[in-house]
Every structure is written in structure tokens, then in C-alpha cells.
Amino acid sequence: QSPKFHAYFPYLQSYPAILADMLSGAISC
């Protein structure tokens, strides 16, 4: 996630997506 990382392609994240993964982990269906 560093601005100095220019290899491969982006594999991004965001705070909304991190929060959603928390909920997904909690529901755990």
C-alpha cells in the first residue's frame, strides 16, 4: 500500500472495505 510500491498491479484496500471484512468475519456464514 506504499506510494513507493510500483510492482505488479495494485491490490488495494480502504477503510470501508476493512470494516466490511470485520462484519463478514463476525457473521461468518
mmCIF file of all heavy atoms, coordinates in Angstrom:
data_MODEL
# 
_entry.id   MODEL 
# 
loop_
_atom_site.group_PDB 
_atom_site.id 
_atom_site.type_symbol 
_atom_site.label_atom_id 
_atom_site.label_alt_id 
_atom_site.label_comp_id 
_atom_site.label_asym_id 
_atom_site.label_entity_id 
_atom_site.label_seq_id 
_atom_site.pdbx_PDB_ins_code 
_atom_site.Cartn_x 
_atom_site.Cartn_y 
_atom_site.Cartn_z 
_atom_site.occupancy 
_atom_site.B_iso_or_equiv 
_atom_site.pdbx_formal_charge 
_atom_site.auth_seq_id 
_atom_site.auth_comp_id 
_atom_site.auth_asym_id 
_atom_site.auth_atom_id 
_atom_site.pdbx_PDB_model_num 
ATOM 1   N N   . GLN A 1 1  ? 0.814   -1.226  0.000   1.00 0.00 ? 1  GLN A N   1 
ATOM 2   C CA  . GLN A 1 1  ? 0.000   0.000   0.000   1.00 0.00 ? 1  GLN A CA  1 
ATOM 3   C C   . GLN A 1 1  ? 0.846   1.275   0.000   1.00 0.00 ? 1  GLN A C   1 
ATOM 4   O O   . GLN A 1 1  ? 0.313   2.381   0.001   1.00 0.00 ? 1  GLN A O   1 
ATOM 5   C CB  . GLN A 1 1  ? -0.945  0.006   1.218   1.00 0.00 ? 1  GLN A CB  1 
ATOM 6   C CG  . GLN A 1 1  ? -1.787  -1.249  1.360   1.00 0.00 ? 1  GLN A CG  1 
ATOM 7   C CD  . GLN A 1 1  ? -2.525  -1.633  0.089   1.00 0.00 ? 1  GLN A CD  1 
ATOM 8   O OE1 . GLN A 1 1  ? -3.119  -0.780  -0.571  1.00 0.00 ? 1  GLN A OE1 1 
ATOM 9   N NE2 . GLN A 1 1  ? -2.487  -2.912  -0.276  1.00 0.00 ? 1  GLN A NE2 1 
ATOM 10  N N   . SER A 1 2  ? 2.154   1.109   -0.035  1.00 0.00 ? 2  SER A N   1 
ATOM 11  C CA  . SER A 1 2  ? 3.054   2.267   -0.041  1.00 0.00 ? 2  SER A CA  1 
ATOM 12  C C   . SER A 1 2  ? 3.026   2.980   -1.389  1.00 0.00 ? 2  SER A C   1 
ATOM 13  O O   . SER A 1 2  ? 2.981   2.329   -2.443  1.00 0.00 ? 2  SER A O   1 
ATOM 14  C CB  . SER A 1 2  ? 4.483   1.808   0.259   1.00 0.00 ? 2  SER A CB  1 
ATOM 15  O OG  . SER A 1 2  ? 5.404   2.868   0.028   1.00 0.00 ? 2  SER A OG  1 
ATOM 16  N N   . PRO A 1 3  ? 3.093   4.309   -1.391  1.00 0.00 ? 3  PRO A N   1 
ATOM 17  C CA  . PRO A 1 3  ? 3.217   5.049   -2.657  1.00 0.00 ? 3  PRO A CA  1 
ATOM 18  C C   . PRO A 1 3  ? 4.534   4.786   -3.378  1.00 0.00 ? 3  PRO A C   1 
ATOM 19  O O   . PRO A 1 3  ? 4.705   5.218   -4.518  1.00 0.00 ? 3  PRO A O   1 
ATOM 20  C CB  . PRO A 1 3  ? 3.118   6.510   -2.223  1.00 0.00 ? 3  PRO A CB  1 
ATOM 21  C CG  . PRO A 1 3  ? 2.516   6.497   -0.874  1.00 0.00 ? 3  PRO A CG  1 
ATOM 22  C CD  . PRO A 1 3  ? 2.947   5.216   -0.240  1.00 0.00 ? 3  PRO A CD  1 
ATOM 23  N N   . LYS A 1 4  ? 5.442   4.081   -2.717  1.00 0.00 ? 4  LYS A N   1 
ATOM 24  C CA  . LYS A 1 4  ? 6.719   3.726   -3.340  1.00 0.00 ? 4  LYS A CA  1 
ATOM 25  C C   . LYS A 1 4  ? 6.690   2.324   -3.949  1.00 0.00 ? 4  LYS A C   1 
ATOM 26  O O   . LYS A 1 4  ? 7.690   1.854   -4.487  1.00 0.00 ? 4  LYS A O   1 
ATOM 27  C CB  . LYS A 1 4  ? 7.839   3.810   -2.293  1.00 0.00 ? 4  LYS A CB  1 
ATOM 28  C CG  . LYS A 1 4  ? 7.958   5.190   -1.641  1.00 0.00 ? 4  LYS A CG  1 
ATOM 29  C CD  . LYS A 1 4  ? 8.888   5.172   -0.445  1.00 0.00 ? 4  LYS A CD  1 
ATOM 30  C CE  . LYS A 1 4  ? 8.879   6.509   0.279   1.00 0.00 ? 4  LYS A CE  1 
ATOM 31  N NZ  . LYS A 1 4  ? 9.706   6.492   1.505   1.00 0.00 ? 4  LYS A NZ  1 
ATOM 32  N N   . PHE A 1 5  ? 5.550   1.667   -3.857  1.00 0.00 ? 5  PHE A N   1 
ATOM 33  C CA  . PHE A 1 5  ? 5.365   0.336   -4.426  1.00 0.00 ? 5  PHE A CA  1 
ATOM 34  C C   . PHE A 1 5  ? 4.785   0.491   -5.822  1.00 0.00 ? 5  PHE A C   1 
ATOM 35  O O   . PHE A 1 5  ? 3.659   0.976   -5.995  1.00 0.00 ? 5  PHE A O   1 
ATOM 36  C CB  . PHE A 1 5  ? 4.420   -0.475  -3.539  1.00 0.00 ? 5  PHE A CB  1 
ATOM 37  C CG  . PHE A 1 5  ? 4.194   -1.894  -4.012  1.00 0.00 ? 5  PHE A CG  1 
ATOM 38  C CD1 . PHE A 1 5  ? 4.950   -2.939  -3.512  1.00 0.00 ? 5  PHE A CD1 1 
ATOM 39  C CD2 . PHE A 1 5  ? 3.202   -2.189  -4.940  1.00 0.00 ? 5  PHE A CD2 1 
ATOM 40  C CE1 . PHE A 1 5  ? 4.734   -4.248  -3.941  1.00 0.00 ? 5  PHE A CE1 1 
ATOM 41  C CE2 . PHE A 1 5  ? 2.982   -3.481  -5.377  1.00 0.00 ? 5  PHE A CE2 1 
ATOM 42  C CZ  . PHE A 1 5  ? 3.755   -4.519  -4.868  1.00 0.00 ? 5  PHE A CZ  1 
ATOM 43  N N   . HIS A 1 6  ? 5.542   0.072   -6.842  1.00 0.00 ? 6  HIS A N   1 
ATOM 44  C CA  . HIS A 1 6  ? 5.120   0.229   -8.240  1.00 0.00 ? 6  HIS A CA  1 
ATOM 45  C C   . HIS A 1 6  ? 5.203   -1.094  -9.000  1.00 0.00 ? 6  HIS A C   1 
ATOM 46  O O   . HIS A 1 6  ? 5.317   -1.107  -10.224 1.00 0.00 ? 6  HIS A O   1 
ATOM 47  C CB  . HIS A 1 6  ? 5.988   1.275   -8.944  1.00 0.00 ? 6  HIS A CB  1 
ATOM 48  C CG  . HIS A 1 6  ? 5.994   2.606   -8.260  1.00 0.00 ? 6  HIS A CG  1 
ATOM 49  N ND1 . HIS A 1 6  ? 4.894   3.424   -8.211  1.00 0.00 ? 6  HIS A ND1 1 
ATOM 50  C CD2 . HIS A 1 6  ? 6.973   3.266   -7.576  1.00 0.00 ? 6  HIS A CD2 1 
ATOM 51  C CE1 . HIS A 1 6  ? 5.178   4.530   -7.547  1.00 0.00 ? 6  HIS A CE1 1 
ATOM 52  N NE2 . HIS A 1 6  ? 6.430   4.449   -7.151  1.00 0.00 ? 6  HIS A NE2 1 
ATOM 53  N N   . ALA A 1 7  ? 5.161   -2.214  -8.281  1.00 0.00 ? 7  ALA A N   1 
ATOM 54  C CA  . ALA A 1 7  ? 5.311   -3.529  -8.899  1.00 0.00 ? 7  ALA A CA  1 
ATOM 55  C C   . ALA A 1 7  ? 3.950   -4.169  -9.160  1.00 0.00 ? 7  ALA A C   1 
ATOM 56  O O   . ALA A 1 7  ? 2.938   -3.771  -8.578  1.00 0.00 ? 7  ALA A O   1 
ATOM 57  C CB  . ALA A 1 7  ? 6.145   -4.424  -7.987  1.00 0.00 ? 7  ALA A CB  1 
ATOM 58  N N   . TYR A 1 8  ? 3.936   -5.165  -10.039 1.00 0.00 ? 8  TYR A N   1 
ATOM 59  C CA  . TYR A 1 8  ? 2.737   -5.957  -10.318 1.00 0.00 ? 8  TYR A CA  1 
ATOM 60  C C   . TYR A 1 8  ? 1.575   -5.041  -10.708 1.00 0.00 ? 8  TYR A C   1 
ATOM 61  O O   . TYR A 1 8  ? 1.691   -4.212  -11.588 1.00 0.00 ? 8  TYR A O   1 
ATOM 62  C CB  . TYR A 1 8  ? 2.391   -6.844  -9.112  1.00 0.00 ? 8  TYR A CB  1 
ATOM 63  C CG  . TYR A 1 8  ? 3.590   -7.558  -8.537  1.00 0.00 ? 8  TYR A CG  1 
ATOM 64  C CD1 . TYR A 1 8  ? 4.103   -7.223  -7.284  1.00 0.00 ? 8  TYR A CD1 1 
ATOM 65  C CD2 . TYR A 1 8  ? 4.256   -8.536  -9.271  1.00 0.00 ? 8  TYR A CD2 1 
ATOM 66  C CE1 . TYR A 1 8  ? 5.233   -7.865  -6.770  1.00 0.00 ? 8  TYR A CE1 1 
ATOM 67  C CE2 . TYR A 1 8  ? 5.375   -9.187  -8.770  1.00 0.00 ? 8  TYR A CE2 1 
ATOM 68  C CZ  . TYR A 1 8  ? 5.862   -8.837  -7.523  1.00 0.00 ? 8  TYR A CZ  1 
ATOM 69  O OH  . TYR A 1 8  ? 6.976   -9.457  -7.028  1.00 0.00 ? 8  TYR A OH  1 
ATOM 70  N N   . PHE A 1 9  ? 0.431   -5.187  -10.042 1.00 0.00 ? 9  PHE A N   1 
ATOM 71  C CA  . PHE A 1 9  ? -0.707  -4.287  -10.172 1.00 0.00 ? 9  PHE A CA  1 
ATOM 72  C C   . PHE A 1 9  ? -1.139  -3.878  -8.772  1.00 0.00 ? 9  PHE A C   1 
ATOM 73  O O   . PHE A 1 9  ? -0.737  -4.503  -7.783  1.00 0.00 ? 9  PHE A O   1 
ATOM 74  C CB  . PHE A 1 9  ? -1.873  -4.981  -10.892 1.00 0.00 ? 9  PHE A CB  1 
ATOM 75  C CG  . PHE A 1 9  ? -1.760  -5.001  -12.393 1.00 0.00 ? 9  PHE A CG  1 
ATOM 76  C CD1 . PHE A 1 9  ? -1.961  -6.174  -13.096 1.00 0.00 ? 9  PHE A CD1 1 
ATOM 77  C CD2 . PHE A 1 9  ? -1.478  -3.850  -13.113 1.00 0.00 ? 9  PHE A CD2 1 
ATOM 78  C CE1 . PHE A 1 9  ? -1.875  -6.206  -14.481 1.00 0.00 ? 9  PHE A CE1 1 
ATOM 79  C CE2 . PHE A 1 9  ? -1.377  -3.868  -14.501 1.00 0.00 ? 9  PHE A CE2 1 
ATOM 80  C CZ  . PHE A 1 9  ? -1.581  -5.047  -15.182 1.00 0.00 ? 9  PHE A CZ  1 
ATOM 81  N N   . PRO A 1 10 ? -1.991  -2.857  -8.649  1.00 0.00 ? 10 PRO A N   1 
ATOM 82  C CA  . PRO A 1 10 ? -2.495  -2.513  -7.312  1.00 0.00 ? 10 PRO A CA  1 
ATOM 83  C C   . PRO A 1 10 ? -3.302  -3.659  -6.721  1.00 0.00 ? 10 PRO A C   1 
ATOM 84  O O   . PRO A 1 10 ? -4.037  -4.353  -7.436  1.00 0.00 ? 10 PRO A O   1 
ATOM 85  C CB  . PRO A 1 10 ? -3.408  -1.302  -7.568  1.00 0.00 ? 10 PRO A CB  1 
ATOM 86  C CG  . PRO A 1 10 ? -3.087  -0.822  -8.934  1.00 0.00 ? 10 PRO A CG  1 
ATOM 87  C CD  . PRO A 1 10 ? -2.549  -1.992  -9.695  1.00 0.00 ? 10 PRO A CD  1 
ATOM 88  N N   . TYR A 1 11 ? -3.160  -3.862  -5.444  1.00 0.00 ? 11 TYR A N   1 
ATOM 89  C CA  . TYR A 1 11 ? -4.079  -4.705  -4.668  1.00 0.00 ? 11 TYR A CA  1 
ATOM 90  C C   . TYR A 1 11 ? -4.500  -3.841  -3.492  1.00 0.00 ? 11 TYR A C   1 
ATOM 91  O O   . TYR A 1 11 ? -3.874  -3.835  -2.440  1.00 0.00 ? 11 TYR A O   1 
ATOM 92  C CB  . TYR A 1 11 ? -3.409  -6.002  -4.207  1.00 0.00 ? 11 TYR A CB  1 
ATOM 93  C CG  . TYR A 1 11 ? -3.474  -7.087  -5.255  1.00 0.00 ? 11 TYR A CG  1 
ATOM 94  C CD1 . TYR A 1 11 ? -2.601  -7.096  -6.336  1.00 0.00 ? 11 TYR A CD1 1 
ATOM 95  C CD2 . TYR A 1 11 ? -4.445  -8.084  -5.186  1.00 0.00 ? 11 TYR A CD2 1 
ATOM 96  C CE1 . TYR A 1 11 ? -2.676  -8.072  -7.317  1.00 0.00 ? 11 TYR A CE1 1 
ATOM 97  C CE2 . TYR A 1 11 ? -4.531  -9.065  -6.166  1.00 0.00 ? 11 TYR A CE2 1 
ATOM 98  C CZ  . TYR A 1 11 ? -3.649  -9.054  -7.223  1.00 0.00 ? 11 TYR A CZ  1 
ATOM 99  O OH  . TYR A 1 11 ? -3.731  -10.017 -8.193  1.00 0.00 ? 11 TYR A OH  1 
ATOM 100 N N   . LEU A 1 12 ? -5.575  -3.101  -3.714  1.00 0.00 ? 12 LEU A N   1 
ATOM 101 C CA  . LEU A 1 12 ? -5.904  -2.003  -2.824  1.00 0.00 ? 12 LEU A CA  1 
ATOM 102 C C   . LEU A 1 12 ? -6.835  -2.418  -1.700  1.00 0.00 ? 12 LEU A C   1 
ATOM 103 O O   . LEU A 1 12 ? -7.407  -3.497  -1.691  1.00 0.00 ? 12 LEU A O   1 
ATOM 104 C CB  . LEU A 1 12 ? -6.533  -0.866  -3.634  1.00 0.00 ? 12 LEU A CB  1 
ATOM 105 C CG  . LEU A 1 12 ? -5.569  -0.184  -4.621  1.00 0.00 ? 12 LEU A CG  1 
ATOM 106 C CD1 . LEU A 1 12 ? -6.304  0.851   -5.455  1.00 0.00 ? 12 LEU A CD1 1 
ATOM 107 C CD2 . LEU A 1 12 ? -4.410  0.463   -3.879  1.00 0.00 ? 12 LEU A CD2 1 
ATOM 108 N N   . GLN A 1 13 ? -6.967  -1.524  -0.764  1.00 0.00 ? 13 GLN A N   1 
ATOM 109 C CA  . GLN A 1 13 ? -7.919  -1.643  0.318   1.00 0.00 ? 13 GLN A CA  1 
ATOM 110 C C   . GLN A 1 13 ? -8.435  -0.254  0.640   1.00 0.00 ? 13 GLN A C   1 
ATOM 111 O O   . GLN A 1 13 ? -7.990  0.729   0.058   1.00 0.00 ? 13 GLN A O   1 
ATOM 112 C CB  . GLN A 1 13 ? -7.278  -2.290  1.552   1.00 0.00 ? 13 GLN A CB  1 
ATOM 113 C CG  . GLN A 1 13 ? -5.869  -1.833  1.861   1.00 0.00 ? 13 GLN A CG  1 
ATOM 114 C CD  . GLN A 1 13 ? -5.764  -0.427  2.448   1.00 0.00 ? 13 GLN A CD  1 
ATOM 115 O OE1 . GLN A 1 13 ? -6.697  0.337   2.472   1.00 0.00 ? 13 GLN A OE1 1 
ATOM 116 N NE2 . GLN A 1 13 ? -4.589  -0.074  2.904   1.00 0.00 ? 13 GLN A NE2 1 
ATOM 117 N N   . SER A 1 14 ? -9.391  -0.191  1.534   1.00 0.00 ? 14 SER A N   1 
ATOM 118 C CA  . SER A 1 14 ? -9.909  1.086   2.007   1.00 0.00 ? 14 SER A CA  1 
ATOM 119 C C   . SER A 1 14 ? -10.550 0.849   3.363   1.00 0.00 ? 14 SER A C   1 
ATOM 120 O O   . SER A 1 14 ? -10.865 -0.290  3.720   1.00 0.00 ? 14 SER A O   1 
ATOM 121 C CB  . SER A 1 14 ? -10.938 1.666   1.025   1.00 0.00 ? 14 SER A CB  1 
ATOM 122 O OG  . SER A 1 14 ? -12.055 0.805   0.914   1.00 0.00 ? 14 SER A OG  1 
ATOM 123 N N   . TYR A 1 15 ? -10.748 1.909   4.092   1.00 0.00 ? 15 TYR A N   1 
ATOM 124 C CA  . TYR A 1 15 ? -11.361 1.750   5.407   1.00 0.00 ? 15 TYR A CA  1 
ATOM 125 C C   . TYR A 1 15 ? -12.762 1.146   5.330   1.00 0.00 ? 15 TYR A C   1 
ATOM 126 O O   . TYR A 1 15 ? -13.099 0.266   6.128   1.00 0.00 ? 15 TYR A O   1 
ATOM 127 C CB  . TYR A 1 15 ? -11.368 3.084   6.154   1.00 0.00 ? 15 TYR A CB  1 
ATOM 128 C CG  . TYR A 1 15 ? -9.972  3.587   6.469   1.00 0.00 ? 15 TYR A CG  1 
ATOM 129 C CD1 . TYR A 1 15 ? -9.565  4.872   6.128   1.00 0.00 ? 15 TYR A CD1 1 
ATOM 130 C CD2 . TYR A 1 15 ? -9.045  2.767   7.120   1.00 0.00 ? 15 TYR A CD2 1 
ATOM 131 C CE1 . TYR A 1 15 ? -8.292  5.334   6.410   1.00 0.00 ? 15 TYR A CE1 1 
ATOM 132 C CE2 . TYR A 1 15 ? -7.756  3.212   7.411   1.00 0.00 ? 15 TYR A CE2 1 
ATOM 133 C CZ  . TYR A 1 15 ? -7.390  4.493   7.060   1.00 0.00 ? 15 TYR A CZ  1 
ATOM 134 O OH  . TYR A 1 15 ? -6.129  4.950   7.335   1.00 0.00 ? 15 TYR A OH  1 
ATOM 135 N N   . PRO A 1 16 ? -13.614 1.551   4.380   1.00 0.00 ? 16 PRO A N   1 
ATOM 136 C CA  . PRO A 1 16 ? -14.919 0.889   4.282   1.00 0.00 ? 16 PRO A CA  1 
ATOM 137 C C   . PRO A 1 16 ? -14.806 -0.621  4.043   1.00 0.00 ? 16 PRO A C   1 
ATOM 138 O O   . PRO A 1 16 ? -15.554 -1.413  4.630   1.00 0.00 ? 16 PRO A O   1 
ATOM 139 C CB  . PRO A 1 16 ? -15.580 1.592   3.089   1.00 0.00 ? 16 PRO A CB  1 
ATOM 140 C CG  . PRO A 1 16 ? -14.954 2.938   3.045   1.00 0.00 ? 16 PRO A CG  1 
ATOM 141 C CD  . PRO A 1 16 ? -13.531 2.709   3.462   1.00 0.00 ? 16 PRO A CD  1 
ATOM 142 N N   . ALA A 1 17 ? -13.872 -1.026  3.178   1.00 0.00 ? 17 ALA A N   1 
ATOM 143 C CA  . ALA A 1 17 ? -13.723 -2.453  2.889   1.00 0.00 ? 17 ALA A CA  1 
ATOM 144 C C   . ALA A 1 17 ? -13.190 -3.215  4.093   1.00 0.00 ? 17 ALA A C   1 
ATOM 145 O O   . ALA A 1 17 ? -13.583 -4.364  4.343   1.00 0.00 ? 17 ALA A O   1 
ATOM 146 C CB  . ALA A 1 17 ? -12.807 -2.649  1.685   1.00 0.00 ? 17 ALA A CB  1 
ATOM 147 N N   . ILE A 1 18 ? -12.287 -2.594  4.851   1.00 0.00 ? 18 ILE A N   1 
ATOM 148 C CA  . ILE A 1 18 ? -11.761 -3.232  6.064   1.00 0.00 ? 18 ILE A CA  1 
ATOM 149 C C   . ILE A 1 18 ? -12.885 -3.441  7.072   1.00 0.00 ? 18 ILE A C   1 
ATOM 150 O O   . ILE A 1 18 ? -13.009 -4.517  7.689   1.00 0.00 ? 18 ILE A O   1 
ATOM 151 C CB  . ILE A 1 18 ? -10.631 -2.387  6.674   1.00 0.00 ? 18 ILE A CB  1 
ATOM 152 C CG1 . ILE A 1 18 ? -9.405  -2.377  5.756   1.00 0.00 ? 18 ILE A CG1 1 
ATOM 153 C CG2 . ILE A 1 18 ? -10.240 -2.911  8.055   1.00 0.00 ? 18 ILE A CG2 1 
ATOM 154 C CD1 . ILE A 1 18 ? -8.335  -1.383  6.157   1.00 0.00 ? 18 ILE A CD1 1 
ATOM 155 N N   . LEU A 1 19 ? -13.744 -2.438  7.230   1.00 0.00 ? 19 LEU A N   1 
ATOM 156 C CA  . LEU A 1 19 ? -14.882 -2.562  8.148   1.00 0.00 ? 19 LEU A CA  1 
ATOM 157 C C   . LEU A 1 19 ? -15.828 -3.674  7.689   1.00 0.00 ? 19 LEU A C   1 
ATOM 158 O O   . LEU A 1 19 ? -16.346 -4.446  8.508   1.00 0.00 ? 19 LEU A O   1 
ATOM 159 C CB  . LEU A 1 19 ? -15.640 -1.236  8.237   1.00 0.00 ? 19 LEU A CB  1 
ATOM 160 C CG  . LEU A 1 19 ? -14.903 -0.092  8.951   1.00 0.00 ? 19 LEU A CG  1 
ATOM 161 C CD1 . LEU A 1 19 ? -15.658 1.224   8.763   1.00 0.00 ? 19 LEU A CD1 1 
ATOM 162 C CD2 . LEU A 1 19 ? -14.730 -0.404  10.432  1.00 0.00 ? 19 LEU A CD2 1 
ATOM 163 N N   . ALA A 1 20 ? -16.050 -3.762  6.386   1.00 0.00 ? 20 ALA A N   1 
ATOM 164 C CA  . ALA A 1 20 ? -16.935 -4.815  5.859   1.00 0.00 ? 20 ALA A CA  1 
ATOM 165 C C   . ALA A 1 20 ? -16.357 -6.199  6.128   1.00 0.00 ? 20 ALA A C   1 
ATOM 166 O O   . ALA A 1 20 ? -17.095 -7.136  6.449   1.00 0.00 ? 20 ALA A O   1 
ATOM 167 C CB  . ALA A 1 20 ? -17.154 -4.607  4.366   1.00 0.00 ? 20 ALA A CB  1 
ATOM 168 N N   . ASP A 1 21 ? -15.037 -6.338  6.002   1.00 0.00 ? 21 ASP A N   1 
ATOM 169 C CA  . ASP A 1 21 ? -14.420 -7.630  6.291   1.00 0.00 ? 21 ASP A CA  1 
ATOM 170 C C   . ASP A 1 21 ? -14.568 -8.003  7.764   1.00 0.00 ? 21 ASP A C   1 
ATOM 171 O O   . ASP A 1 21 ? -14.673 -9.182  8.112   1.00 0.00 ? 21 ASP A O   1 
ATOM 172 C CB  . ASP A 1 21 ? -12.945 -7.608  5.884   1.00 0.00 ? 21 ASP A CB  1 
ATOM 173 C CG  . ASP A 1 21 ? -12.704 -8.206  4.504   1.00 0.00 ? 21 ASP A CG  1 
ATOM 174 O OD1 . ASP A 1 21 ? -13.641 -8.811  3.958   1.00 0.00 ? 21 ASP A OD1 1 
ATOM 175 O OD2 . ASP A 1 21 ? -11.587 -8.072  3.980   1.00 0.00 ? 21 ASP A OD2 1 
ATOM 176 N N   . MET A 1 22 ? -14.556 -7.000  8.635   1.00 0.00 ? 22 MET A N   1 
ATOM 177 C CA  . MET A 1 22 ? -14.800 -7.272  10.059  1.00 0.00 ? 22 MET A CA  1 
ATOM 178 C C   . MET A 1 22 ? -16.198 -7.858  10.252  1.00 0.00 ? 22 MET A C   1 
ATOM 179 O O   . MET A 1 22 ? -16.380 -8.851  10.963  1.00 0.00 ? 22 MET A O   1 
ATOM 180 C CB  . MET A 1 22 ? -14.649 -5.995  10.873  1.00 0.00 ? 22 MET A CB  1 
ATOM 181 C CG  . MET A 1 22 ? -13.230 -5.499  11.023  1.00 0.00 ? 22 MET A CG  1 
ATOM 182 S SD  . MET A 1 22 ? -13.152 -3.917  11.919  1.00 0.00 ? 22 MET A SD  1 
ATOM 183 C CE  . MET A 1 22 ? -13.812 -4.375  13.525  1.00 0.00 ? 22 MET A CE  1 
ATOM 184 N N   . LEU A 1 23 ? -17.189 -7.255  9.603   1.00 0.00 ? 23 LEU A N   1 
ATOM 185 C CA  . LEU A 1 23 ? -18.556 -7.741  9.728   1.00 0.00 ? 23 LEU A CA  1 
ATOM 186 C C   . LEU A 1 23 ? -18.704 -9.125  9.108   1.00 0.00 ? 23 LEU A C   1 
ATOM 187 O O   . LEU A 1 23 ? -19.382 -10.003 9.670   1.00 0.00 ? 23 LEU A O   1 
ATOM 188 C CB  . LEU A 1 23 ? -19.528 -6.761  9.078   1.00 0.00 ? 23 LEU A CB  1 
ATOM 189 C CG  . LEU A 1 23 ? -21.009 -7.152  9.107   1.00 0.00 ? 23 LEU A CG  1 
ATOM 190 C CD1 . LEU A 1 23 ? -21.489 -7.347  10.545  1.00 0.00 ? 23 LEU A CD1 1 
ATOM 191 C CD2 . LEU A 1 23 ? -21.853 -6.095  8.408   1.00 0.00 ? 23 LEU A CD2 1 
ATOM 192 N N   . SER A 1 24 ? -18.077 -9.328  7.960   1.00 0.00 ? 24 SER A N   1 
ATOM 193 C CA  . SER A 1 24 ? -18.115 -10.640 7.321   1.00 0.00 ? 24 SER A CA  1 
ATOM 194 C C   . SER A 1 24 ? -17.542 -11.703 8.242   1.00 0.00 ? 24 SER A C   1 
ATOM 195 O O   . SER A 1 24 ? -18.094 -12.806 8.370   1.00 0.00 ? 24 SER A O   1 
ATOM 196 C CB  . SER A 1 24 ? -17.334 -10.603 6.005   1.00 0.00 ? 24 SER A CB  1 
ATOM 197 O OG  . SER A 1 24 ? -17.267 -11.879 5.420   1.00 0.00 ? 24 SER A OG  1 
ATOM 198 N N   . GLY A 1 25 ? -16.434 -11.362 8.910   1.00 0.00 ? 25 GLY A N   1 
ATOM 199 C CA  . GLY A 1 25 ? -15.828 -12.305 9.849   1.00 0.00 ? 25 GLY A CA  1 
ATOM 200 C C   . GLY A 1 25 ? -16.733 -12.589 11.034  1.00 0.00 ? 25 GLY A C   1 
ATOM 201 O O   . GLY A 1 25 ? -16.767 -13.711 11.551  1.00 0.00 ? 25 GLY A O   1 
ATOM 202 N N   . ALA A 1 26 ? -17.487 -11.586 11.459  1.00 0.00 ? 26 ALA A N   1 
ATOM 203 C CA  . ALA A 1 26 ? -18.381 -11.767 12.606  1.00 0.00 ? 26 ALA A CA  1 
ATOM 204 C C   . ALA A 1 26 ? -19.590 -12.622 12.235  1.00 0.00 ? 26 ALA A C   1 
ATOM 205 O O   . ALA A 1 26 ? -19.977 -13.532 12.976  1.00 0.00 ? 26 ALA A O   1 
ATOM 206 C CB  . ALA A 1 26 ? -18.842 -10.411 13.124  1.00 0.00 ? 26 ALA A CB  1 
ATOM 207 N N   . ILE A 1 27 ? -20.180 -12.340 11.063  1.00 0.00 ? 27 ILE A N   1 
ATOM 208 C CA  . ILE A 1 27 ? -21.329 -13.133 10.614  1.00 0.00 ? 27 ILE A CA  1 
ATOM 209 C C   . ILE A 1 27 ? -20.890 -14.563 10.322  1.00 0.00 ? 27 ILE A C   1 
ATOM 210 O O   . ILE A 1 27 ? -21.567 -15.525 10.670  1.00 0.00 ? 27 ILE A O   1 
ATOM 211 C CB  . ILE A 1 27 ? -21.974 -12.493 9.372   1.00 0.00 ? 27 ILE A CB  1 
ATOM 212 C CG1 . ILE A 1 27 ? -22.591 -11.135 9.744   1.00 0.00 ? 27 ILE A CG1 1 
ATOM 213 C CG2 . ILE A 1 27 ? -23.025 -13.418 8.768   1.00 0.00 ? 27 ILE A CG2 1 
ATOM 214 C CD1 . ILE A 1 27 ? -23.099 -10.344 8.556   1.00 0.00 ? 27 ILE A CD1 1 
ATOM 215 N N   . SER A 1 28 ? -19.751 -14.693 9.658   1.00 0.00 ? 28 SER A N   1 
ATOM 216 C CA  . SER A 1 28 ? -19.106 -15.981 9.402   1.00 0.00 ? 28 SER A CA  1 
ATOM 217 C C   . SER A 1 28 ? -20.062 -17.013 8.819   1.00 0.00 ? 28 SER A C   1 
ATOM 218 O O   . SER A 1 28 ? -20.115 -18.153 9.257   1.00 0.00 ? 28 SER A O   1 
ATOM 219 C CB  . SER A 1 28 ? -18.482 -16.526 10.697  1.00 0.00 ? 28 SER A CB  1 
ATOM 220 O OG  . SER A 1 28 ? -17.535 -17.534 10.411  1.00 0.00 ? 28 SER A OG  1 
ATOM 221 N N   . CYS A 1 29 ? -20.815 -16.595 7.810   1.00 0.00 ? 29 CYS A N   1 
ATOM 222 C CA  . CYS A 1 29 ? -21.685 -17.543 7.113   1.00 0.00 ? 29 CYS A CA  1 
ATOM 223 C C   . CYS A 1 29 ? -20.926 -18.174 5.954   1.00 0.00 ? 29 CYS A C   1 
ATOM 224 O O   . CYS A 1 29 ? -19.955 -17.614 5.445   1.00 0.00 ? 29 CYS A O   1 
ATOM 225 C CB  . CYS A 1 29 ? -22.943 -16.844 6.606   1.00 0.00 ? 29 CYS A CB  1 
ATOM 226 S SG  . CYS A 1 29 ? -22.648 -15.646 5.290   1.00 0.00 ? 29 CYS A SG  1 
# 
